[in-house]
């Protein structure tokens, strides 16, 4: 596998930045937080330090608009699918098929979520939790379908992108 194949996968995926996989990205400290804020991105303080909330405001389609200046955690992150591609366990075509399958599961959940309420951009898991919490008894069937779809999506995303071999994941949540 060459670097072009890895780059092609990442620039056709973007799930690590669009709020589908991660809720936020930890920043290395005040200096990195200041640098990211100067780029025009809003940060949150989670009590342990600054985080870059997801979906990332620097994401344009599947491409990072601050790629050369992205946080260290973003530089270090390699999803399990990319690792498999780099090791040669799967080929580029199969990796892209896995991304499309993940997107299909995400679309199913988003369809069941319905139109976004409010203006705040939230990670997909948080939007799902809020929707499941607010559904009342009259919406029992819809809630059950959404709950099942969310469970399928989360299992699939975890297995495809987050179950990294030895050593786990870098400091990206």
Protein backbone atom coordinates (compact mmCIF):
# COMPACT_ATOMS: atom_id res chain seq x y z
CA UNK A 1 0.00 0.00 0.00
CA UNK A 2 1.31 3.43 -0.82
CA UNK A 3 0.68 6.85 0.74
CA UNK A 4 -1.65 7.83 -2.11
CA UNK A 5 -4.00 4.95 -1.26
CA UNK A 6 -4.09 5.98 2.40
CA UNK A 7 -4.74 9.59 1.45
CA UNK A 8 -7.49 8.54 -0.97
CA UNK A 9 -9.22 6.58 1.77
CA UNK A 10 -9.08 9.44 4.26
CA UNK A 11 -10.22 12.10 1.79
CA UNK A 12 -13.19 9.94 0.76
CA UNK A 13 -14.16 9.09 4.33
CA UNK A 14 -13.93 11.92 6.89
CA UNK A 15 -15.93 10.00 9.50
CA UNK A 16 -13.30 10.76 12.15
CA UNK A 17 -14.00 14.47 11.72
CA UNK A 18 -17.72 14.68 10.93
CA UNK A 19 -19.00 13.67 14.37
CA UNK A 20 -19.88 10.10 13.37
CA UNK A 21 -17.01 8.38 15.20
CA UNK A 22 -15.79 10.86 17.79
CA UNK A 23 -17.32 13.46 20.07
CA UNK A 24 -14.26 15.65 20.43
CA UNK A 25 -10.49 15.76 20.02
CA UNK A 26 -8.23 16.47 22.99
CA UNK A 27 -5.68 19.20 22.48
CA UNK A 28 -2.14 18.93 23.81
CA UNK A 29 -2.27 22.09 25.92
CA UNK A 30 -2.82 25.82 26.00
CA UNK A 31 -0.35 26.53 23.18
CA UNK A 32 -2.08 24.13 20.79
CA UNK A 33 -5.49 25.40 21.89
CA UNK A 34 -4.41 28.98 21.19
CA UNK A 35 -3.08 28.03 17.78
CA UNK A 36 -6.33 26.26 16.87
CA UNK A 37 -8.43 29.20 18.11
CA UNK A 38 -6.34 31.60 16.01
CA UNK A 39 -7.35 29.49 13.01
CA UNK A 40 -10.95 30.46 13.79
CA UNK A 41 -12.16 27.25 15.42
CA UNK A 42 -14.18 27.26 18.63
CA UNK A 43 -12.97 25.03 21.44
CA UNK A 44 -14.60 23.61 24.55
CA UNK A 45 -13.08 23.24 27.99
CA UNK A 46 -14.05 19.79 29.30
CA UNK A 47 -12.55 20.36 32.74
CA UNK A 48 -9.39 18.42 31.89
CA UNK A 49 -8.30 20.78 29.14
CA UNK A 50 -9.36 22.07 25.78
CA UNK A 51 -11.06 19.91 23.18
CA UNK A 52 -12.03 20.48 19.58
CA UNK A 53 -15.72 19.54 19.33
CA UNK A 54 -16.92 17.33 16.52
CA UNK A 55 -18.19 17.65 13.89
CA UNK A 56 -15.12 19.70 13.15
CA UNK A 57 -15.81 23.14 11.74
CA UNK A 58 -12.66 22.80 9.62
CA UNK A 59 -14.11 19.86 7.68
CA UNK A 60 -15.24 20.69 4.15
CA UNK A 61 -16.87 17.60 2.69
CA UNK A 62 -14.26 14.98 3.58
CA UNK A 63 -11.27 17.31 3.55
CA UNK A 64 -9.64 19.22 6.38
CA UNK A 65 -9.27 22.92 5.62
CA UNK A 66 -6.52 23.25 8.27
CA UNK A 67 -4.72 20.02 7.39
CA UNK A 68 -1.19 21.45 7.64
CA UNK A 69 -2.04 23.04 11.02
CA UNK A 70 -4.32 20.29 12.42
CA UNK A 71 -3.96 19.27 16.08
CA UNK A 72 -1.43 16.63 17.09
CA UNK A 73 -4.18 14.16 18.04
CA UNK A 74 -5.58 14.44 14.53
CA UNK A 75 -2.12 13.85 13.06
CA UNK A 76 -1.63 10.76 15.22
CA UNK A 77 -5.06 9.21 14.67
CA UNK A 78 -5.26 6.27 12.29
CA UNK A 79 -8.54 4.42 12.33
CA UNK A 80 -8.58 0.63 12.34
CA UNK A 81 -9.66 0.57 8.68
CA UNK A 82 -6.67 2.68 7.63
CA UNK A 83 -4.37 0.46 9.70
CA UNK A 84 -5.72 -2.64 7.92
CA UNK A 85 -5.16 -0.96 4.55
CA UNK A 86 -1.61 0.03 5.51
CA UNK A 87 -0.79 -3.52 6.65
CA UNK A 88 -2.20 -4.94 3.43
CA UNK A 89 -4.98 -6.85 5.22
CA UNK A 90 -7.49 -5.25 2.86
CA UNK A 91 -7.21 -3.51 -0.47
CA UNK A 92 -8.24 0.06 -1.33
CA UNK A 93 -11.45 -1.06 -3.05
CA UNK A 94 -12.61 -3.05 -0.02
CA UNK A 95 -11.71 -0.17 2.31
CA UNK A 96 -13.88 2.21 0.28
CA UNK A 97 -16.72 -0.33 0.31
CA UNK A 98 -16.44 -0.43 4.12
CA UNK A 99 -16.69 3.38 4.24
CA UNK A 100 -19.79 3.31 2.04
CA UNK A 101 -21.40 0.64 4.24
CA UNK A 102 -20.73 2.82 7.29
CA UNK A 103 -22.24 5.82 5.51
CA UNK A 104 -25.34 3.75 4.68
CA UNK A 105 -25.81 2.89 8.36
CA UNK A 106 -25.32 6.55 9.29
CA UNK A 107 -27.87 7.65 6.66
CA UNK A 108 -30.36 5.14 8.06
CA UNK A 109 -29.96 6.60 11.56
CA UNK A 110 -30.13 10.19 10.28
CA UNK A 111 -33.33 9.38 8.36
CA UNK A 112 -34.87 8.01 11.55
CA UNK A 113 -33.66 11.05 13.52
CA UNK A 114 -35.56 13.33 11.16
CA UNK A 115 -34.79 17.00 10.67
CA UNK A 116 -32.15 18.41 12.98
CA UNK A 117 -33.59 20.35 15.90
CA UNK A 118 -31.74 23.43 17.06
CA UNK A 119 -28.77 25.08 15.46
CA UNK A 120 -25.91 23.56 17.49
CA UNK A 121 -23.87 21.01 15.62
CA UNK A 122 -23.57 17.89 17.74
CA UNK A 123 -21.78 14.56 17.31
CA UNK A 124 -24.05 11.86 15.93
CA UNK A 125 -24.02 9.81 19.15
CA UNK A 126 -25.18 12.85 21.14
CA UNK A 127 -27.96 13.63 18.65
CA UNK A 128 -29.11 10.00 18.91
CA UNK A 129 -29.07 10.07 22.72
CA UNK A 130 -31.10 13.28 22.79
CA UNK A 131 -33.63 11.95 20.30
CA UNK A 132 -34.05 8.69 22.20
CA UNK A 133 -34.45 10.56 25.49
CA UNK A 134 -37.14 12.93 24.20
CA UNK A 135 -39.33 10.39 22.41
CA UNK A 136 -42.57 9.80 24.31
CA UNK A 137 -44.91 6.83 24.55
CA UNK A 138 -46.84 7.71 21.35
CA UNK A 139 -43.60 7.32 19.43
CA UNK A 140 -42.73 3.88 20.83
CA UNK A 141 -42.36 2.16 17.42
CA UNK A 142 -40.26 4.99 15.99
CA UNK A 143 -38.09 4.97 19.12
CA UNK A 144 -37.60 1.20 18.87
CA UNK A 145 -36.55 1.47 15.19
CA UNK A 146 -34.17 4.31 15.99
CA UNK A 147 -32.71 2.46 18.97
CA UNK A 148 -32.10 -0.68 16.89
CA UNK A 149 -30.57 1.32 14.02
CA UNK A 150 -28.28 3.21 16.42
CA UNK A 151 -27.11 -0.07 17.98
CA UNK A 152 -26.35 -1.56 14.53
CA UNK A 153 -24.53 1.59 13.45
CA UNK A 154 -22.45 1.81 16.63
CA UNK A 155 -21.40 -1.86 16.44
CA UNK A 156 -20.45 -1.43 12.80
CA UNK A 157 -18.51 1.81 13.34
CA UNK A 158 -16.69 0.39 16.35
CA UNK A 159 -15.73 -2.81 14.54
CA UNK A 160 -14.68 -1.10 11.31
CA UNK A 161 -12.98 2.08 12.52
CA UNK A 162 -12.22 1.96 16.24
CA UNK A 163 -11.11 -1.57 17.14
CA UNK A 164 -7.45 -0.82 16.69
CA UNK A 165 -4.87 -3.56 17.22
CA UNK A 166 -2.39 -3.45 20.13
CA UNK A 167 -1.95 -0.18 21.94
CA UNK A 168 -5.47 1.16 21.44
CA UNK A 169 -6.24 4.60 20.14
CA UNK A 170 -4.39 7.87 20.55
CA UNK A 171 -5.91 10.64 22.64
CA UNK A 172 -8.95 11.19 20.46
CA UNK A 173 -12.37 10.65 21.99
